[in-house]
PDB file of N, CA and C in Angstrom:
ATOM      1  N   UNK A   1     -54.742  90.904  19.403  1.00  0.00           N
ATOM      2  CA  UNK A   1     -53.801  91.949  19.507  1.00  0.00           C
ATOM      3  C   UNK A   1     -53.595  92.613  20.708  1.00  0.00           C
ATOM      4  N   UNK A   2     -52.423  92.134  21.411  1.00  0.00           N
ATOM      5  CA  UNK A   2     -52.716  92.409  23.253  1.00  0.00           C
ATOM      6  C   UNK A   2     -51.628  94.090  22.960  1.00  0.00           C
ATOM      7  N   UNK A   3     -51.610  94.274  21.764  1.00  0.00           N
ATOM      8  CA  UNK A   3     -50.476  95.818  21.779  1.00  0.00           C
ATOM      9  C   UNK A   3     -51.724  96.625  22.270  1.00  0.00           C
ATOM     10  N   UNK A   4     -52.730  96.933  21.553  1.00  0.00           N
ATOM     11  CA  UNK A   4     -54.169  97.534  21.402  1.00  0.00           C
ATOM     12  C   UNK A   4     -54.638  97.814  22.960  1.00  0.00           C
ATOM     13  N   UNK A   5     -54.277  96.572  23.645  1.00  0.00           N
ATOM     14  CA  UNK A   5     -54.968  96.533  25.433  1.00  0.00           C
ATOM     15  C   UNK A   5     -53.473  97.570  26.056  1.00  0.00           C
ATOM     16  N   UNK A   6     -52.609  97.316  25.579  1.00  0.00           N
ATOM     17  CA  UNK A   6     -51.478  97.962  25.739  1.00  0.00           C
ATOM     18  C   UNK A   6     -51.400  99.643  25.937  1.00  0.00           C
ATOM     19  N   UNK A   7     -51.961  99.440  24.440  1.00  0.00           N
ATOM     20  CA  UNK A   7     -51.655 101.017  24.118  1.00  0.00           C
ATOM     21  C   UNK A   7     -53.250 101.801  24.977  1.00  0.00           C
ATOM     22  N   UNK A   8     -53.962 101.191  25.265  1.00  0.00           N
ATOM     23  CA  UNK A   8     -55.193 101.938  26.143  1.00  0.00           C
ATOM     24  C   UNK A   8     -54.826 101.807  27.551  1.00  0.00           C
ATOM     25  N   UNK A   9     -53.789 100.905  28.283  1.00  0.00           N
ATOM     26  CA  UNK A   9     -53.547 101.493  29.136  1.00  0.00           C
ATOM     27  C   UNK A   9     -52.183 102.619  28.860  1.00  0.00           C
ATOM     28  N   UNK A  10     -51.630 102.729  28.432  1.00  0.00           N
ATOM     29  CA  UNK A  10     -50.637 103.821  28.148  1.00  0.00           C
ATOM     30  C   UNK A  10     -51.541 104.992  27.752  1.00  0.00           C
ATOM     31  N   UNK A  11     -52.395 105.025  27.117  1.00  0.00           N
ATOM     32  CA  UNK A  11     -53.895 106.252  26.876  1.00  0.00           C
ATOM     33  C   UNK A  11     -54.213 106.503  28.348  1.00  0.00           C
ATOM     34  N   UNK A  12     -54.753 105.818  29.689  1.00  0.00           N
ATOM     35  CA  UNK A  12     -54.962 106.018  30.633  1.00  0.00           C
ATOM     36  C   UNK A  12     -53.526 106.647  31.426  1.00  0.00           C
ATOM     37  N   UNK A  13     -52.877 105.923  31.399  1.00  0.00           N
ATOM     38  CA  UNK A  13     -51.291 106.489  32.282  1.00  0.00           C
ATOM     39  C   UNK A  13     -51.386 107.831  31.504  1.00  0.00           C
ATOM     40  N   UNK A  14     -51.133 108.459  30.149  1.00  0.00           N
ATOM     41  CA  UNK A  14     -50.919 109.846  29.118  1.00  0.00           C
ATOM     42  C   UNK A  14     -52.068 110.373  30.031  1.00  0.00           C
ATOM     43  N   UNK A  15     -53.281 109.879  29.881  1.00  0.00           N
ATOM     44  CA  UNK A  15     -54.523 111.148  30.381  1.00  0.00           C
ATOM     45  C   UNK A  15     -53.729 111.415  31.772  1.00  0.00           C
ATOM     46  N   UNK A  16     -53.909 110.408  32.999  1.00  0.00           N
ATOM     47  CA  UNK A  16     -53.322 110.854  34.066  1.00  0.00           C
ATOM     48  C   UNK A  16     -51.947 111.967  34.427  1.00  0.00           C
ATOM     49  N   UNK A  17     -51.000 112.041  33.508  1.00  0.00           N
ATOM     50  CA  UNK A  17     -50.362 113.042  33.469  1.00  0.00           C
ATOM     51  C   UNK A  17     -51.230 114.277  32.858  1.00  0.00           C
ATOM     52  N   UNK A  18     -51.418 114.304  31.895  1.00  0.00           N
ATOM     53  CA  UNK A  18     -52.152 115.401  31.575  1.00  0.00           C
ATOM     54  C   UNK A  18     -53.148 116.168  32.476  1.00  0.00           C
ATOM     55  N   UNK A  19     -53.964 115.519  32.724  1.00  0.00           N
ATOM     56  CA  UNK A  19     -54.457 115.911  34.329  1.00  0.00           C
ATOM     57  C   UNK A  19     -54.066 116.645  35.355  1.00  0.00           C
ATOM     58  N   UNK A  20     -52.417 115.960  35.673  1.00  0.00           N
ATOM     59  CA  UNK A  20     -52.143 116.331  37.000  1.00  0.00           C
ATOM     60  C   UNK A  20     -51.305 117.272  36.348  1.00  0.00           C
ATOM     61  N   UNK A  21     -50.606 117.489  34.858  1.00  0.00           N
ATOM     62  CA  UNK A  21     -49.677 118.655  34.695  1.00  0.00           C
ATOM     63  C   UNK A  21     -51.270 120.062  33.948  1.00  0.00           C
ATOM     64  N   UNK A  22     -51.832 119.867  34.063  1.00  0.00           N
ATOM     65  CA  UNK A  22     -53.341 120.963  33.391  1.00  0.00           C
ATOM     66  C   UNK A  22     -52.772 121.117  32.190  1.00  0.00           C
ATOM     67  N   UNK A  23     -52.789 120.506  31.075  1.00  0.00           N
ATOM     68  CA  UNK A  23     -52.431 120.432  30.056  1.00  0.00           C
ATOM     69  C   UNK A  23     -53.905 120.447  29.396  1.00  0.00           C
ATOM     70  N   UNK A  24     -53.476 120.721  27.982  1.00  0.00           N
ATOM     71  CA  UNK A  24     -54.561 120.885  27.473  1.00  0.00           C
ATOM     72  C   UNK A  24     -54.263 120.038  25.974  1.00  0.00           C
ATOM     73  N   UNK A  25     -53.089 119.320  26.222  1.00  0.00           N
ATOM     74  CA  UNK A  25     -53.252 118.191  24.838  1.00  0.00           C
ATOM     75  C   UNK A  25     -51.585 117.795  25.020  1.00  0.00           C
ATOM     76  N   UNK A  26     -51.599 116.765  24.352  1.00  0.00           N
ATOM     77  CA  UNK A  26     -50.123 115.732  23.834  1.00  0.00           C
ATOM     78  C   UNK A  26     -49.239 116.099  22.745  1.00  0.00           C
ATOM     79  N   UNK A  27     -48.411 116.400  22.543  1.00  0.00           N
ATOM     80  CA  UNK A  27     -47.759 116.395  21.137  1.00  0.00           C
ATOM     81  C   UNK A  27     -46.956 115.374  20.804  1.00  0.00           C
ATOM     82  N   UNK A  28     -46.245 114.906  21.729  1.00  0.00           N
ATOM     83  CA  UNK A  28     -45.739 113.484  21.352  1.00  0.00           C
ATOM     84  C   UNK A  28     -45.805 112.518  22.830  1.00  0.00           C
ATOM     85  N   UNK A  29     -45.593 111.137  22.559  1.00  0.00           N
ATOM     86  CA  UNK A  29     -45.244 110.182  23.632  1.00  0.00           C
ATOM     87  C   UNK A  29     -43.984 109.621  23.241  1.00  0.00           C
ATOM     88  N   UNK A  30     -42.930 109.184  24.253  1.00  0.00           N
ATOM     89  CA  UNK A  30     -41.533 108.843  23.411  1.00  0.00           C
ATOM     90  C   UNK A  30     -41.955 107.391  24.430  1.00  0.00           C
ATOM     91  N   UNK A  31     -41.422 106.432  23.766  1.00  0.00           N
ATOM     92  CA  UNK A  31     -41.571 104.770  24.510  1.00  0.00           C
ATOM     93  C   UNK A  31     -40.207 104.232  24.383  1.00  0.00           C
ATOM     94  N   UNK A  32     -39.884 103.342  25.171  1.00  0.00           N
ATOM     95  CA  UNK A  32     -38.525 102.776  25.116  1.00  0.00           C
ATOM     96  C   UNK A  32     -39.027 101.335  25.232  1.00  0.00           C
ATOM     97  N   UNK A  33     -38.642 100.224  23.873  1.00  0.00           N
ATOM     98  CA  UNK A  33     -39.702  99.430  24.270  1.00  0.00           C
ATOM     99  C   UNK A  33     -38.065  98.093  24.106  1.00  0.00           C
ATOM    100  N   UNK A  34     -37.953  97.252  24.636  1.00  0.00           N
ATOM    101  CA  UNK A  34     -36.875  96.066  24.845  1.00  0.00           C
ATOM    102  C   UNK A  34     -37.354  94.977  23.821  1.00  0.00           C
ATOM    103  N   UNK A  35     -36.589  94.188  22.957  1.00  0.00           N
ATOM    104  CA  UNK A  35     -37.077  93.000  22.035  1.00  0.00           C
ATOM    105  C   UNK A  35     -37.208  91.661  23.155  1.00  0.00           C
ATOM    106  N   UNK A  36     -36.959  91.772  24.465  1.00  0.00           N
ATOM    107  CA  UNK A  36     -37.523  90.868  25.370  1.00  0.00           C
ATOM    108  C   UNK A  36     -38.685  91.215  25.833  1.00  0.00           C
ATOM    109  N   UNK A  37     -39.367  92.240  25.499  1.00  0.00           N
ATOM    110  CA  UNK A  37     -40.723  92.562  26.495  1.00  0.00           C
ATOM    111  C   UNK A  37     -42.091  92.315  26.129  1.00  0.00           C
ATOM    112  N   UNK A  38     -42.071  91.133  24.488  1.00  0.00           N
ATOM    113  CA  UNK A  38     -43.100  90.845  24.009  1.00  0.00           C
ATOM    114  C   UNK A  38     -43.742  91.964  23.758  1.00  0.00           C
ATOM    115  N   UNK A  39     -43.499  93.155  23.031  1.00  0.00           N
ATOM    116  CA  UNK A  39     -44.107  93.981  22.540  1.00  0.00           C
ATOM    117  C   UNK A  39     -43.798  94.458  21.447  1.00  0.00           C
ATOM    118  N   UNK A  40     -44.568  94.174  20.048  1.00  0.00           N
ATOM    119  CA  UNK A  40     -44.358  94.353  19.105  1.00  0.00           C
ATOM    120  C   UNK A  40     -44.472  95.769  18.371  1.00  0.00           C
ATOM    121  N   UNK A  41     -43.223  96.399  18.443  1.00  0.00           N
ATOM    122  CA  UNK A  41     -43.207  98.130  18.246  1.00  0.00           C
ATOM    123  C   UNK A  41     -43.794  98.742  16.968  1.00  0.00           C
ATOM    124  N   UNK A  42     -44.438  97.741  16.133  1.00  0.00           N
ATOM    125  CA  UNK A  42     -44.863  98.338  14.317  1.00  0.00           C
ATOM    126  C   UNK A  42     -46.328  97.948  14.800  1.00  0.00           C
ATOM    127  N   UNK A  43     -46.743  96.549  15.728  1.00  0.00           N
ATOM    128  CA  UNK A  43     -48.049  96.725  15.895  1.00  0.00           C
ATOM    129  C   UNK A  43     -49.014  97.731  16.904  1.00  0.00           C
ATOM    130  N   UNK A  44     -47.712  97.642  17.762  1.00  0.00           N
ATOM    131  CA  UNK A  44     -48.187  99.248  18.736  1.00  0.00           C
ATOM    132  C   UNK A  44     -48.409 100.331  17.657  1.00  0.00           C
ATOM    133  N   UNK A  45     -47.557 100.784  16.877  1.00  0.00           N
ATOM    134  CA  UNK A  45     -47.697 102.085  16.316  1.00  0.00           C
ATOM    135  C   UNK A  45     -48.636 101.830  15.410  1.00  0.00           C
ATOM    136  N   UNK A  46     -49.367 100.833  15.728  1.00  0.00           N
ATOM    137  CA  UNK A  46     -51.014 100.427  14.264  1.00  0.00           C
ATOM    138  C   UNK A  46     -51.827 100.716  15.205  1.00  0.00           C
ATOM    139  N   UNK A  47     -52.149 100.099  16.445  1.00  0.00           N
ATOM    140  CA  UNK A  47     -52.886 100.134  17.440  1.00  0.00           C
ATOM    141  C   UNK A  47     -53.052 101.886  18.146  1.00  0.00           C
ATOM    142  N   UNK A  48     -52.047 102.342  18.030  1.00  0.00           N
ATOM    143  CA  UNK A  48     -52.205 104.128  18.226  1.00  0.00           C
ATOM    144  C   UNK A  48     -53.206 105.073  18.173  1.00  0.00           C
ATOM    145  N   UNK A  49     -53.311 104.947  16.783  1.00  0.00           N
ATOM    146  CA  UNK A  49     -54.764 105.232  16.521  1.00  0.00           C
ATOM    147  C   UNK A  49     -55.689 105.524  16.813  1.00  0.00           C
ATOM    148  N   UNK A  50     -55.572 103.873  17.413  1.00  0.00           N
ATOM    149  CA  UNK A  50     -57.039 103.691  17.748  1.00  0.00           C
ATOM    150  C   UNK A  50     -57.462 103.954  19.410  1.00  0.00           C
ATOM    151  N   UNK A  51     -56.504 103.291  19.608  1.00  0.00           N
ATOM    152  CA  UNK A  51     -56.228 103.737  21.447  1.00  0.00           C
ATOM    153  C   UNK A  51     -56.399 105.425  21.468  1.00  0.00           C
ATOM    154  N   UNK A  52     -55.481 106.535  20.736  1.00  0.00           N
ATOM    155  CA  UNK A  52     -55.618 107.387  21.211  1.00  0.00           C
ATOM    156  C   UNK A  52     -56.586 108.250  20.746  1.00  0.00           C
ATOM    157  N   UNK A  53     -57.925 107.815  19.889  1.00  0.00           N
ATOM    158  CA  UNK A  53     -59.205 108.418  19.175  1.00  0.00           C
ATOM    159  C   UNK A  53     -59.687 108.827  20.193  1.00  0.00           C
ATOM    160  N   UNK A  54     -60.319 110.508  20.513  1.00  0.00           N
ATOM    161  CA  UNK A  54     -60.768 110.874  21.553  1.00  0.00           C
ATOM    162  C   UNK A  54     -60.385 110.757  22.645  1.00  0.00           C
ATOM    163  N   UNK A  55     -58.896 111.277  22.391  1.00  0.00           N
ATOM    164  CA  UNK A  55     -58.594 111.293  23.957  1.00  0.00           C
ATOM    165  C   UNK A  55     -57.601 112.623  23.514  1.00  0.00           C
ATOM    166  N   UNK A  56     -56.745 113.330  24.497  1.00  0.00           N
ATOM    167  CA  UNK A  56     -56.042 114.480  24.359  1.00  0.00           C
ATOM    168  C   UNK A  56     -54.952 114.014  23.613  1.00  0.00           C
ATOM    169  N   UNK A  57     -54.789 112.929  23.382  1.00  0.00           N
ATOM    170  CA  UNK A  57     -53.337 112.580  22.425  1.00  0.00           C
ATOM    171  C   UNK A  57     -53.764 112.225  21.221  1.00  0.00           C
ATOM    172  N   UNK A  58     -54.825 112.023  21.180  1.00  0.00           N
ATOM    173  CA  UNK A  58     -55.466 111.803  19.542  1.00  0.00           C
ATOM    174  C   UNK A  58     -54.415 112.138  18.252  1.00  0.00           C
ATOM    175  N   UNK A  59     -54.199 113.514  18.666  1.00  0.00           N
ATOM    176  CA  UNK A  59     -53.117 114.109  17.063  1.00  0.00           C
ATOM    177  C   UNK A  59     -51.582 114.223  17.301  1.00  0.00           C
ATOM    178  N   UNK A  60     -51.594 113.228  18.854  1.00  0.00           N
ATOM    179  CA  UNK A  60     -49.463 113.411  19.226  1.00  0.00           C
ATOM    180  C   UNK A  60     -48.850 112.335  18.126  1.00  0.00           C
ATOM    181  N   UNK A  61     -47.838 112.811  18.200  1.00  0.00           N
ATOM    182  CA  UNK A  61     -46.738 111.574  17.567  1.00  0.00           C
ATOM    183  C   UNK A  61     -46.370 110.397  18.432  1.00  0.00           C
ATOM    184  N   UNK A  62     -46.412 109.053  18.278  1.00  0.00           N
ATOM    185  CA  UNK A  62     -45.634 108.118  19.085  1.00  0.00           C
ATOM    186  C   UNK A  62     -44.162 107.979  18.544  1.00  0.00           C
ATOM    187  N   UNK A  63     -43.175 108.166  19.383  1.00  0.00           N
ATOM    188  CA  UNK A  63     -41.861 107.923  18.972  1.00  0.00           C
ATOM    189  C   UNK A  63     -41.704 106.338  20.182  1.00  0.00           C
ATOM    190  N   UNK A  64     -40.936 105.394  19.379  1.00  0.00           N
ATOM    191  CA  UNK A  64     -40.479 104.471  19.775  1.00  0.00           C
ATOM    192  C   UNK A  64     -38.929 104.095  20.024  1.00  0.00           C
ATOM    193  N   UNK A  65     -38.128 104.536  20.680  1.00  0.00           N
ATOM    194  CA  UNK A  65     -36.969 103.756  20.665  1.00  0.00           C
ATOM    195  C   UNK A  65     -36.637 102.091  20.978  1.00  0.00           C
ATOM    196  N   UNK A  66     -36.063 101.934  20.160  1.00  0.00           N
ATOM    197  CA  UNK A  66     -35.482 100.418  20.917  1.00  0.00           C
ATOM    198  C   UNK A  66     -34.262 100.639  22.135  1.00  0.00           C
ATOM    199  N   UNK A  67     -34.815  99.200  23.000  1.00  0.00           N
ATOM    200  CA  UNK A  67     -33.763  98.981  23.932  1.00  0.00           C
ATOM    201  C   UNK A  67     -33.022  98.262  24.044  1.00  0.00           C
ATOM    202  N   UNK A  68     -31.763  98.070  24.135  1.00  0.00           N
ATOM    203  CA  UNK A  68     -30.383  97.075  24.300  1.00  0.00           C
ATOM    204  C   UNK A  68     -30.770  96.465  25.349  1.00  0.00           C
ATOM    205  N   UNK A  69     -30.322  95.174  24.946  1.00  0.00           N
ATOM    206  CA  UNK A  69     -30.148  94.197  26.174  1.00  0.00           C
ATOM    207  C   UNK A  69     -29.038  93.893  26.733  1.00  0.00           C
ATOM    208  N   UNK A  70     -29.070  94.204  27.923  1.00  0.00           N
ATOM    209  CA  UNK A  70     -28.018  93.964  28.507  1.00  0.00           C
ATOM    210  C   UNK A  70     -27.909  93.330  29.769  1.00  0.00           C
ATOM    211  N   UNK A  71     -26.707  92.089  29.824  1.00  0.00           N
ATOM    212  CA  UNK A  71     -26.765  91.200  31.042  1.00  0.00           C
ATOM    213  C   UNK A  71     -25.644  91.151  32.053  1.00  0.00           C
ATOM    214  N   UNK A  72     -25.478  91.134  33.160  1.00  0.00           N
ATOM    215  CA  UNK A  72     -24.380  90.601  34.192  1.00  0.00           C
ATOM    216  C   UNK A  72     -24.037  89.469  34.212  1.00  0.00           C
ATOM    217  N   UNK A  73     -22.815  89.143  33.796  1.00  0.00           N
ATOM    218  CA  UNK A  73     -22.353  88.083  34.275  1.00  0.00           C
ATOM    219  C   UNK A  73     -22.061  87.565  35.488  1.00  0.00           C
ATOM    220  N   UNK A  74     -22.202  86.044  35.942  1.00  0.00           N
ATOM    221  CA  UNK A  74     -22.292  85.598  37.220  1.00  0.00           C
ATOM    222  C   UNK A  74     -20.788  85.232  37.341  1.00  0.00           C
ATOM    223  N   UNK A  75     -20.088  85.246  36.292  1.00  0.00           N
ATOM    224  CA  UNK A  75     -18.546  84.922  36.922  1.00  0.00           C
ATOM    225  C   UNK A  75     -17.253  85.967  36.459  1.00  0.00           C
ATOM    226  N   UNK A  76     -17.493  86.568  35.509  1.00  0.00           N
ATOM    227  CA  UNK A  76     -16.666  87.932  36.030  1.00  0.00           C
ATOM    228  C   UNK A  76     -17.277  89.166  36.130  1.00  0.00           C
ATOM    229  N   UNK A  77     -18.840  89.305  36.666  1.00  0.00           N
ATOM    230  CA  UNK A  77     -19.230  90.360  37.123  1.00  0.00           C
ATOM    231  C   UNK A  77     -19.557  91.573  36.058  1.00  0.00           C
ATOM    232  N   UNK A  78     -19.119  91.592  34.726  1.00  0.00           N
ATOM    233  CA  UNK A  78     -19.462  92.704  33.492  1.00  0.00           C
ATOM    234  C   UNK A  78     -20.655  92.600  32.973  1.00  0.00           C
ATOM    235  N   UNK A  79     -20.919  93.335  32.715  1.00  0.00           N
ATOM    236  CA  UNK A  79     -21.866  94.204  31.842  1.00  0.00           C
ATOM    237  C   UNK A  79     -21.776  94.452  30.530  1.00  0.00           C
ATOM    238  N   UNK A  80     -22.870  93.915  30.159  1.00  0.00           N
ATOM    239  CA  UNK A  80     -22.084  93.706  27.962  1.00  0.00           C
ATOM    240  C   UNK A  80     -23.426  93.562  28.041  1.00  0.00           C
ATOM    241  N   UNK A  81     -23.569  94.356  26.702  1.00  0.00           N
ATOM    242  CA  UNK A  81     -24.422  93.992  25.432  1.00  0.00           C
ATOM    243  C   UNK A  81     -25.198  92.531  24.793  1.00  0.00           C
ATOM    244  N   UNK A  82     -25.870  91.949  24.631  1.00  0.00           N
ATOM    245  CA  UNK A  82     -26.286  90.651  24.276  1.00  0.00           C
ATOM    246  C   UNK A  82     -27.516  90.906  23.242  1.00  0.00           C
ATOM    247  N   UNK A  83     -27.633  89.387  22.501  1.00  0.00           N
ATOM    248  CA  UNK A  83     -28.501  89.398  21.568  1.00  0.00           C
ATOM    249  C   UNK A  83     -29.563  88.986  21.854  1.00  0.00           C
ATOM    250  N   UNK A  84     -30.940  88.725  21.574  1.00  0.00           N
ATOM    251  CA  UNK A  84     -31.923  88.252  21.910  1.00  0.00           C
ATOM    252  C   UNK A  84     -32.135  86.734  22.407  1.00  0.00           C
ATOM    253  N   UNK A  85     -31.415  86.368  21.314  1.00  0.00           N
ATOM    254  CA  UNK A  85     -31.363  84.436  21.354  1.00  0.00           C
ATOM    255  C   UNK A  85     -29.440  84.169  21.939  1.00  0.00           C
ATOM    256  N   UNK A  86     -28.980  84.900  22.502  1.00  0.00           N
ATOM    257  CA  UNK A  86     -27.905  84.570  22.914  1.00  0.00           C
ATOM    258  C   UNK A  86     -27.569  85.213  24.155  1.00  0.00           C
ATOM    259  N   UNK A  87     -27.580  85.071  25.437  1.00  0.00           N
ATOM    260  CA  UNK A  87     -27.615  86.006  26.689  1.00  0.00           C
ATOM    261  C   UNK A  87     -26.377  85.528  27.380  1.00  0.00           C
ATOM    262  N   UNK A  88     -25.351  85.600  26.262  1.00  0.00           N
ATOM    263  CA  UNK A  88     -24.346  85.220  27.072  1.00  0.00           C
ATOM    264  C   UNK A  88     -23.278  86.716  27.642  1.00  0.00           C
ATOM    265  N   UNK A  89     -22.186  86.362  28.151  1.00  0.00           N
ATOM    266  CA  UNK A  89     -21.513  87.708  28.484  1.00  0.00           C
ATOM    267  C   UNK A  89     -20.611  88.339  27.222  1.00  0.00           C
ATOM    268  N   UNK A  90     -20.837  88.831  26.764  1.00  0.00           N
ATOM    269  CA  UNK A  90     -19.658  89.788  25.786  1.00  0.00           C
ATOM    270  C   UNK A  90     -17.615  89.722  26.596  1.00  0.00           C
ATOM    271  N   UNK A  91     -18.251  89.719  27.728  1.00  0.00           N
ATOM    272  CA  UNK A  91     -17.122  89.766  28.190  1.00  0.00           C
ATOM    273  C   UNK A  91     -15.790  88.212  28.165  1.00  0.00           C
ATOM    274  N   UNK A  92     -16.607  87.512  28.711  1.00  0.00           N
ATOM    275  CA  UNK A  92     -15.825  86.291  28.955  1.00  0.00           C
ATOM    276  C   UNK A  92     -16.337  85.105  28.157  1.00  0.00           C
ATOM    277  N   UNK A  93     -17.586  85.593  27.419  1.00  0.00           N
ATOM    278  CA  UNK A  93     -18.687  84.207  27.056  1.00  0.00           C
ATOM    279  C   UNK A  93     -19.579  83.107  27.782  1.00  0.00           C
ATOM    280  N   UNK A  94     -19.300  83.432  29.370  1.00  0.00           N
ATOM    281  CA  UNK A  94     -19.612  82.461  30.111  1.00  0.00           C
ATOM    282  C   UNK A  94     -21.541  82.663  29.726  1.00  0.00           C
ATOM    283  N   UNK A  95     -22.303  81.885  30.103  1.00  0.00           N
ATOM    284  CA  UNK A  95     -24.058  81.498  29.980  1.00  0.00           C
ATOM    285  C   UNK A  95     -24.403  82.078  31.287  1.00  0.00           C
ATOM    286  N   UNK A  96     -24.130  81.959  32.017  1.00  0.00           N
ATOM    287  CA  UNK A  96     -24.679  82.250  33.332  1.00  0.00           C
ATOM    288  C   UNK A  96     -24.279  83.999  33.757  1.00  0.00           C
ATOM    289  N   UNK A  97     -25.411  84.906  32.792  1.00  0.00           N
ATOM    290  CA  UNK A  97     -25.608  86.158  33.095  1.00  0.00           C
ATOM    291  C   UNK A  97     -27.357  85.970  33.542  1.00  0.00           C
ATOM    292  N   UNK A  98     -27.666  87.571  34.537  1.00  0.00           N
ATOM    293  CA  UNK A  98     -28.760  87.727  34.500  1.00  0.00           C
ATOM    294  C   UNK A  98     -28.606  89.094  33.840  1.00  0.00           C
ATOM    295  N   UNK A  99     -30.510  89.301  33.201  1.00  0.00           N
ATOM    296  CA  UNK A  99     -31.095  90.239  32.400  1.00  0.00           C
ATOM    297  C   UNK A  99     -31.018  91.077  33.698  1.00  0.00           C
ATOM    298  N   UNK A 100     -30.117  92.607  32.846  1.00  0.00           N
ATOM    299  CA  UNK A 100     -30.241  93.614  33.507  1.00  0.00           C
ATOM    300  C   UNK A 100     -31.568  94.467  32.667  1.00  0.00           C
ATOM    301  N   UNK A 101     -31.366  94.322  31.327  1.00  0.00           N
ATOM    302  CA  UNK A 101     -32.327  95.241  30.724  1.00  0.00           C
ATOM    303  C   UNK A 101     -32.929  94.835  29.218  1.00  0.00           C
ATOM    304  N   UNK A 102     -33.915  95.059  28.401  1.00  0.00           N
ATOM    305  CA  UNK A 102     -34.408  94.968  27.466  1.00  0.00           C
ATOM    306  C   UNK A 102     -35.626  93.983  26.895  1.00  0.00           C
ATOM    307  N   UNK A 103     -36.154  93.649  28.345  1.00  0.00           N
ATOM    308  CA  UNK A 103     -36.970  93.164  28.494  1.00  0.00           C
ATOM    309  C   UNK A 103     -38.635  93.519  29.141  1.00  0.00           C
ATOM    310  N   UNK A 104     -38.258  95.543  29.150  1.00  0.00           N
ATOM    311  CA  UNK A 104     -39.485  96.105  29.597  1.00  0.00           C
ATOM    312  C   UNK A 104     -39.989  97.376  28.793  1.00  0.00           C
ATOM    313  N   UNK A 105     -41.076  97.554  29.376  1.00  0.00           N
ATOM    314  CA  UNK A 105     -41.544  98.659  27.747  1.00  0.00           C
ATOM    315  C   UNK A 105     -41.614 100.133  28.707  1.00  0.00           C
ATOM    316  N   UNK A 106     -40.938 101.640  28.965  1.00  0.00           N
ATOM    317  CA  UNK A 106     -40.628 102.379  29.321  1.00  0.00           C
ATOM    318  C   UNK A 106     -41.528 103.699  28.757  1.00  0.00           C
ATOM    319  N   UNK A 107     -42.034 104.684  29.290  1.00  0.00           N
ATOM    320  CA  UNK A 107     -42.921 105.764  29.143  1.00  0.00           C
ATOM    321  C   UNK A 107     -41.645 106.546  29.642  1.00  0.00           C
ATOM    322  N   UNK A 108     -41.146 106.975  28.135  1.00  0.00           N
ATOM    323  CA  UNK A 108     -39.535 108.130  28.458  1.00  0.00           C
ATOM    324  C   UNK A 108     -40.205 109.228  28.889  1.00  0.00           C
ATOM    325  N   UNK A 109     -41.136 109.902  27.831  1.00  0.00           N
ATOM    326  CA  UNK A 109     -41.603 110.836  28.203  1.00  0.00           C
ATOM    327  C   UNK A 109     -42.534 111.232  27.475  1.00  0.00           C
ATOM    328  N   UNK A 110     -43.482 112.414  27.844  1.00  0.00           N
ATOM    329  CA  UNK A 110     -44.317 112.901  27.360  1.00  0.00           C
ATOM    330  C   UNK A 110     -44.607 114.444  27.056  1.00  0.00           C
ATOM    331  N   UNK A 111     -44.801 114.766  25.855  1.00  0.00           N
ATOM    332  CA  UNK A 111     -44.374 116.198  25.334  1.00  0.00           C
ATOM    333  C   UNK A 111     -45.722 117.050  25.590  1.00  0.00           C
ATOM    334  N   UNK A 112     -46.461 117.823  26.434  1.00  0.00           N
ATOM    335  CA  UNK A 112     -47.179 118.012  26.831  1.00  0.00           C
ATOM    336  C   UNK A 112     -47.679 119.306  26.181  1.00  0.00           C
ATOM    337  N   UNK A 113     -49.002 119.792  25.943  1.00  0.00           N
ATOM    338  CA  UNK A 113     -49.134 120.769  24.928  1.00  0.00           C
ATOM    339  C   UNK A 113     -50.571 121.962  26.279  1.00  0.00           C
ATOM    340  N   UNK A 114     -50.090 123.196  26.697  1.00  0.00           N
ATOM    341  CA  UNK A 114     -50.700 124.042  27.792  1.00  0.00           C
ATOM    342  C   UNK A 114     -50.974 125.168  27.218  1.00  0.00           C
ATOM    343  N   UNK A 115     -52.069 125.817  27.549  1.00  0.00           N
ATOM    344  CA  UNK A 115     -52.371 126.514  27.210  1.00  0.00           C
ATOM    345  C   UNK A 115     -51.945 128.060  26.862  1.00  0.00           C
ATOM    346  N   UNK A 116     -50.668 128.278  27.353  1.00  0.00           N
ATOM    347  CA  UNK A 116     -50.199 129.209  27.285  1.00  0.00           C
ATOM    348  C   UNK A 116     -49.130 129.121  26.220  1.00  0.00           C
ATOM    349  N   UNK A 117     -48.875 127.866  25.473  1.00  0.00           N
ATOM    350  CA  UNK A 117     -48.394 127.461  24.632  1.00  0.00           C
ATOM    351  C   UNK A 117     -49.068 127.955  23.180  1.00  0.00           C
ATOM    352  N   UNK A 118     -50.866 127.763  23.450  1.00  0.00           N
ATOM    353  CA  UNK A 118     -51.593 127.775  22.701  1.00  0.00           C
ATOM    354  C   UNK A 118     -52.110 129.132  22.142  1.00  0.00           C
ATOM    355  N   UNK A 119     -51.782 129.745  23.073  1.00  0.00           N
ATOM    356  CA  UNK A 119     -52.161 131.166  23.045  1.00  0.00           C
ATOM    357  C   UNK A 119     -51.212 132.150  22.322  1.00  0.00           C
ATOM    358  N   UNK A 120     -49.621 131.757  22.401  1.00  0.00           N
ATOM    359  CA  UNK A 120     -48.623 132.097  21.479  1.00  0.00           C
ATOM    360  C   UNK A 120     -48.209 131.755  20.229  1.00  0.00           C
ATOM    361  N   UNK A 121     -49.422 130.600  19.687  1.00  0.00           N
ATOM    362  CA  UNK A 121     -48.853 130.196  18.369  1.00  0.00           C
ATOM    363  C   UNK A 121     -48.993 130.927  17.120  1.00  0.00           C
TER     364      UNK A 121
END
């Protein structure tokens, strides 16, 4: 399951952010995942507890937002939404399109816990 390796790489990235910001923990991680990314969101959620165990993100919430597929038409230059199995222009119906988004996994945000916050809770 390559989602575990992806989660482990995500934890490395989150750990780096925690260190840079001098945080004491992670409350929430938000990812955007496109349907053409090759990542299965439900498998990523299952792998997250294993990958985050023993890290500062161990008790954090992983939120996954689906990302839309957007294409740009070579014929009419319009940018429209498309379906994974039908990457045609939504404006003119032409099949000569260029993928703009929907094939990536993006770390949208990391909600950190800082010492000041813990002292006031």
